[in-house]
Amino acid sequence: MIDIAVAGACGRMGSMINNTILNQEDMRAVAAIEASDSPLEGKDIGEVIGVGKIGVNVIGADKLGTELKAKKPDVLVDFTIAHAAVENVKTAAENGVNVVVGTTGFSDEQMDEMKNAIKENNIKAVISPNMAVGVNIFFKILENLASIIDDYDVEIIESHHKHKADAPSGTAVKAAQIIAEVYGRDMDKVGIYGREGIVGERTDEEIGIHAIRGGDIVGEHTVLFAGDGERLEIVHRAHSRQAFVNGVIKSIRYVLNADEGKISDMGDVLGLK
């Protein structure tokens, strides 16, 4: 049996992850973590997500270390926000708990903090900006396509619900990084995040990234390769957050046998590398 703690347990993703865990024969939820000031602290997570009591009370993130020591989960799943996720990963690592992280919006410094904690404590980790299986196949297609055509203009458009805090999405950034790496370009120099005013002609090196926010859009990503007289559009649309949750479940099973002290991603989980 795989014992799992979920950080961000009462949010949109956390609720679906907990619901899905309850339907797995080889998994069980043993800890539910929310922000330290959450009004849901102390409530049974089963009641919070609408399935009835399961005997696991929501705790504040300030008690995470104590909870991990008491419950000894095999994996901490984190779907929170960047600064909270960094602290959660560091606490999990210090307690020898493996991590699966789907939180996005990390700075390079925050990624380095997590990498160091994972390496120093020799835990196993999966960190991915998008857990959906289809998105990671999308990444592989982009890598292959970019290796075939290198003289087309590349623009990336992503759309998400109005509540998403970070922009552009981690998935859009990852797509741009994959293409830039194939082309031998430095994203810090060629990444253009939206355009406004008299910006002049587009350069051949640019990779444009544009973010749309509105309504309840789960997640859409389009990568446009535009040439003279034609264009190719590679599109992924998430119809439901369950697409991401399915990837989380695969990642939980994978991480137990992953390499210690390093970060794997969904490419590793799905055998796409």
Protein backbone atom coordinates (compact mmCIF):
# COMPACT_ATOMS: atom_id res chain seq x y z
CA MET A 1 0.00 0.00 0.00
CA ILE A 2 1.32 3.45 -0.96
CA ASP A 3 0.68 6.02 1.77
CA ILE A 4 0.18 9.53 0.39
CA ALA A 5 0.11 13.05 1.80
CA VAL A 6 -1.43 15.79 -0.34
CA ALA A 7 -0.47 19.45 0.02
CA GLY A 8 -3.13 21.75 -1.35
CA ALA A 9 -5.55 19.00 -0.41
CA CYS A 10 -8.71 21.10 -0.51
CA GLY A 11 -8.06 22.94 -3.77
CA ARG A 12 -9.38 22.05 -7.21
CA MET A 13 -6.56 19.67 -8.02
CA GLY A 14 -6.02 18.44 -4.47
CA SER A 15 -9.67 17.45 -4.10
CA MET A 16 -9.63 15.47 -7.34
CA ILE A 17 -6.33 13.81 -6.41
CA ASN A 18 -7.73 12.71 -3.04
CA ASN A 19 -10.91 11.43 -4.69
CA THR A 20 -8.88 9.43 -7.19
CA ILE A 21 -6.55 8.03 -4.53
CA LEU A 22 -9.58 6.66 -2.69
CA ASN A 23 -10.44 4.63 -5.79
CA GLN A 24 -7.00 3.02 -6.12
CA GLU A 25 -6.50 -0.44 -4.66
CA ASP A 26 -2.82 0.19 -3.91
CA MET A 27 -3.05 3.71 -2.41
CA ARG A 28 -4.44 5.48 0.62
CA ALA A 29 -4.52 9.08 1.80
CA VAL A 30 -2.84 9.53 5.20
CA ALA A 31 -2.33 13.30 5.41
CA ALA A 32 -4.01 16.42 4.02
CA ILE A 33 -2.22 19.76 4.15
CA GLU A 34 -3.58 23.25 3.54
CA ALA A 35 -2.37 26.80 4.19
CA SER A 36 -1.74 27.50 7.86
CA ASP A 37 -4.60 30.00 8.04
CA SER A 38 -7.13 27.78 6.26
CA PRO A 39 -10.60 27.68 7.87
CA LEU A 40 -10.72 24.00 6.86
CA GLU A 41 -7.96 23.00 9.26
CA GLY A 42 -9.19 20.27 11.61
CA LYS A 43 -11.96 19.08 9.29
CA ASP A 44 -11.93 15.56 7.86
CA ILE A 45 -10.67 15.73 4.27
CA GLY A 46 -13.27 13.16 3.22
CA GLU A 47 -16.06 15.48 4.32
CA VAL A 48 -14.36 18.46 2.66
CA ILE A 49 -14.28 16.70 -0.74
CA GLY A 50 -17.76 15.25 -0.32
CA VAL A 51 -17.14 11.54 0.23
CA GLY A 52 -17.72 11.31 3.98
CA LYS A 53 -15.25 10.86 6.81
CA ILE A 54 -12.07 8.89 6.05
CA GLY A 55 -10.27 9.61 9.33
CA VAL A 56 -7.74 12.09 7.95
CA ASN A 57 -7.96 15.64 9.27
CA VAL A 58 -6.70 18.69 7.38
CA ILE A 59 -3.62 20.26 8.98
CA GLY A 60 -1.89 23.60 8.42
CA ALA A 61 1.38 23.69 6.51
CA ASP A 62 3.16 24.91 9.65
CA LYS A 63 2.57 21.42 11.11
CA LEU A 64 3.81 19.54 8.04
CA GLY A 65 7.06 18.28 9.58
CA THR A 66 5.28 16.90 12.63
CA GLU A 67 2.61 15.26 10.46
CA LEU A 68 5.18 13.59 8.18
CA LYS A 69 7.02 12.19 11.18
CA ALA A 70 3.76 10.82 12.61
CA LYS A 71 2.16 9.45 9.42
CA LYS A 72 5.35 8.44 7.55
CA PRO A 73 3.86 8.69 4.03
CA ASP A 74 5.72 7.26 1.07
CA VAL A 75 4.98 10.27 -1.13
CA LEU A 76 4.02 13.92 -0.68
CA VAL A 77 2.00 15.27 -3.62
CA ASP A 78 2.13 19.07 -3.93
CA PHE A 79 -0.32 21.26 -5.87
CA THR A 80 -0.01 24.59 -4.08
CA ILE A 81 1.82 27.76 -5.11
CA ALA A 82 5.52 28.15 -5.79
CA HIS A 83 6.84 29.56 -2.50
CA ALA A 84 4.73 27.13 -0.45
CA ALA A 85 5.78 24.17 -2.60
CA VAL A 86 9.48 24.95 -2.08
CA GLU A 87 9.06 24.83 1.70
CA ASN A 88 6.92 21.67 1.48
CA VAL A 89 9.52 19.90 -0.66
CA LYS A 90 12.32 20.91 1.70
CA THR A 91 10.34 19.64 4.71
CA ALA A 92 9.48 16.39 2.93
CA ALA A 93 13.12 15.87 1.96
CA GLU A 94 14.30 16.44 5.53
CA ASN A 95 11.86 13.73 6.62
CA GLY A 96 12.84 11.24 3.92
CA VAL A 97 9.52 11.53 2.05
CA ASN A 98 9.52 11.28 -1.75
CA VAL A 99 7.72 14.05 -3.68
CA VAL A 100 5.50 14.48 -6.73
CA VAL A 101 5.12 18.17 -7.59
CA GLY A 102 2.72 19.65 -10.14
CA THR A 103 2.94 23.22 -8.86
CA THR A 104 4.15 25.77 -11.42
CA GLY A 105 5.65 29.26 -11.46
CA PHE A 106 9.03 28.43 -9.88
CA SER A 107 11.94 30.81 -10.32
CA ASP A 108 15.38 29.38 -11.13
CA GLU A 109 16.40 30.03 -7.53
CA GLN A 110 13.39 28.13 -6.18
CA MET A 111 14.12 25.18 -8.48
CA ASP A 112 17.70 25.15 -7.20
CA GLU A 113 16.46 25.12 -3.60
CA MET A 114 14.33 22.04 -4.31
CA LYS A 115 17.07 20.30 -6.29
CA ASN A 116 19.54 20.81 -3.45
CA ALA A 117 17.12 19.50 -0.81
CA ILE A 118 16.28 16.45 -2.93
CA LYS A 119 19.94 15.69 -3.61
CA GLU A 120 21.20 16.31 -0.07
CA ASN A 121 18.50 14.09 1.48
CA ASN A 122 18.65 11.45 -1.27
CA ILE A 123 14.89 11.29 -1.83
CA LYS A 124 13.09 10.52 -5.09
CA ALA A 125 11.16 13.18 -6.96
CA VAL A 126 8.94 13.85 -9.95
CA ILE A 127 8.50 17.55 -10.75
CA SER A 128 6.60 18.46 -13.90
CA PRO A 129 4.84 21.65 -15.07
CA ASN A 130 2.05 19.52 -16.53
CA MET A 131 1.12 16.00 -15.45
CA ALA A 132 -1.29 15.25 -18.32
CA VAL A 133 -0.18 12.30 -20.44
CA GLY A 134 -1.26 14.04 -23.65
CA VAL A 135 0.72 17.18 -22.85
CA ASN A 136 3.91 15.20 -22.45
CA ILE A 137 3.33 13.48 -25.77
CA PHE A 138 2.74 17.03 -27.09
CA PHE A 139 6.21 17.97 -25.77
CA LYS A 140 7.77 15.02 -27.58
CA ILE A 141 6.04 15.96 -30.84
CA LEU A 142 7.34 19.53 -30.51
CA GLU A 143 10.88 18.28 -29.98
CA ASN A 144 10.67 16.07 -33.06
CA LEU A 145 9.02 18.75 -35.21
CA ALA A 146 11.52 21.43 -34.23
CA SER A 147 14.34 19.11 -35.32
CA ILE A 148 12.75 18.90 -38.79
CA ILE A 149 11.83 22.56 -39.45
CA ASP A 150 14.09 25.30 -38.15
CA ASP A 151 13.16 28.19 -40.46
CA TYR A 152 9.55 28.75 -39.32
CA ASP A 153 8.44 31.43 -36.88
CA VAL A 154 7.31 29.97 -33.55
CA GLU A 155 4.52 31.41 -31.42
CA ILE A 156 2.93 29.81 -28.34
CA ILE A 157 -0.56 30.67 -27.10
CA GLU A 158 -1.91 29.32 -23.81
CA SER A 159 -5.34 29.74 -22.23
CA HIS A 160 -6.41 29.05 -18.64
CA HIS A 161 -9.17 29.86 -16.18
CA LYS A 162 -9.36 33.26 -14.53
CA HIS A 163 -8.11 31.94 -11.17
CA LYS A 164 -4.68 30.82 -12.42
CA ALA A 165 -2.08 32.91 -10.60
CA ASP A 166 1.02 32.55 -12.79
CA ALA A 167 1.56 33.51 -16.41
CA PRO A 168 2.67 32.24 -18.77
CA SER A 169 1.84 28.68 -17.79
CA GLY A 170 4.61 26.28 -16.89
CA THR A 171 3.54 24.16 -19.84
CA ALA A 172 3.99 27.06 -22.29
CA VAL A 173 7.41 27.86 -20.84
CA LYS A 174 8.43 24.19 -21.07
CA ALA A 175 7.30 24.03 -24.71
CA ALA A 176 9.35 27.14 -25.50
CA GLN A 177 12.39 25.74 -23.72
CA ILE A 178 12.17 22.46 -25.65
CA ILE A 179 12.03 24.27 -28.99
CA ALA A 180 14.76 26.75 -28.04
CA GLU A 181 17.06 23.92 -27.00
CA VAL A 182 16.57 22.12 -30.31
CA TYR A 183 17.28 25.38 -32.16
CA GLY A 184 20.28 26.21 -29.98
CA ARG A 185 18.73 29.46 -28.75
CA ASP A 186 18.85 31.10 -25.32
CA MET A 187 15.30 31.63 -24.04
CA ASP A 188 16.45 34.59 -21.94
CA LYS A 189 17.34 36.34 -25.18
CA VAL A 190 14.69 35.12 -27.64
CA GLY A 191 11.59 34.68 -25.45
CA ILE A 192 9.02 37.42 -26.13
CA TYR A 193 6.17 37.53 -23.61
CA GLY A 194 3.31 39.33 -25.36
CA ARG A 195 3.68 42.38 -27.58
CA GLU A 196 2.43 45.93 -27.29
CA GLY A 197 3.00 49.16 -29.16
CA ILE A 198 5.42 49.72 -32.04
CA VAL A 199 7.62 46.69 -31.57
CA GLY A 200 9.11 46.53 -35.06
CA GLU A 201 9.39 43.51 -37.29
CA ARG A 202 9.55 40.09 -35.74
CA THR A 203 13.06 38.63 -35.70
CA ASP A 204 13.77 35.11 -36.94
CA GLU A 205 15.05 34.12 -33.51
CA GLU A 206 11.98 35.11 -31.47
CA ILE A 207 9.76 32.62 -29.70
CA GLY A 208 6.57 34.42 -28.73
CA ILE A 209 4.54 33.36 -25.69
CA HIS A 210 1.05 34.71 -25.03
CA ALA A 211 -1.28 34.08 -22.08
CA ILE A 212 -5.09 34.21 -22.08
CA ARG A 213 -7.06 34.12 -18.82
CA GLY A 214 -10.82 33.79 -18.54
CA GLY A 215 -13.80 31.81 -17.34
CA ASP A 216 -13.26 28.16 -16.47
CA ILE A 217 -10.82 27.14 -19.23
CA VAL A 218 -9.02 24.07 -17.89
CA GLY A 219 -5.97 24.43 -20.10
CA GLU A 220 -5.24 24.89 -23.80
CA HIS A 221 -1.86 25.18 -25.51
CA THR A 222 -1.18 25.90 -29.18
CA VAL A 223 2.28 26.01 -30.72
CA LEU A 224 2.22 27.67 -34.11
CA PHE A 225 5.01 27.11 -36.64
CA ALA A 226 4.43 29.77 -39.32
CA GLY A 227 6.23 29.64 -42.65
CA ASP A 228 5.78 31.36 -46.00
CA GLY A 229 2.47 30.21 -47.43
CA GLU A 230 1.61 27.71 -44.70
CA ARG A 231 1.59 27.03 -40.99
CA LEU A 232 1.47 24.07 -38.65
CA GLU A 233 -0.41 24.20 -35.35
CA ILE A 234 0.15 21.62 -32.63
CA VAL A 235 -2.65 21.81 -30.07
CA HIS A 236 -3.40 20.21 -26.72
CA ARG A 237 -6.70 20.84 -24.94
CA ALA A 238 -7.49 19.55 -21.47
CA HIS A 239 -11.21 18.84 -21.13
CA SER A 240 -11.01 18.10 -17.42
CA ARG A 241 -8.49 18.33 -14.59
CA GLN A 242 -8.79 14.56 -14.41
CA ALA A 243 -6.24 14.49 -17.25
CA PHE A 244 -3.68 15.96 -14.83
CA VAL A 245 -4.77 13.73 -11.96
CA ASN A 246 -4.26 10.60 -14.07
CA GLY A 247 -0.66 11.68 -14.61
CA VAL A 248 -0.23 12.27 -10.88
CA ILE A 249 -1.33 8.70 -10.15
CA LYS A 250 1.20 7.38 -12.68
CA SER A 251 3.88 9.60 -11.11
CA ILE A 252 3.15 8.31 -7.60
CA ARG A 253 3.69 4.74 -8.73
CA TYR A 254 6.80 5.69 -10.71
CA VAL A 255 8.54 7.77 -8.06
CA LEU A 256 8.92 4.87 -5.64
CA ASN A 257 11.38 3.24 -8.04
CA ALA A 258 12.94 6.41 -9.47
CA ASP A 259 16.58 7.40 -9.06
CA GLU A 260 17.45 8.75 -5.63
CA GLY A 261 18.65 12.31 -5.28
CA LYS A 262 17.50 13.50 -8.69
CA ILE A 263 14.41 15.04 -10.25
CA SER A 264 12.47 13.01 -12.80
CA ASP A 265 9.72 14.44 -14.98
CA MET A 266 6.75 13.09 -16.91
CA GLY A 267 9.00 12.19 -19.81
CA ASP A 268 10.66 9.70 -17.47
CA VAL A 269 7.34 8.53 -16.05
CA LEU A 270 5.95 7.80 -19.53
CA GLY A 271 9.17 6.39 -20.98
CA LEU A 272 9.40 9.14 -23.62
CA LYS A 273 13.12 9.78 -23.13
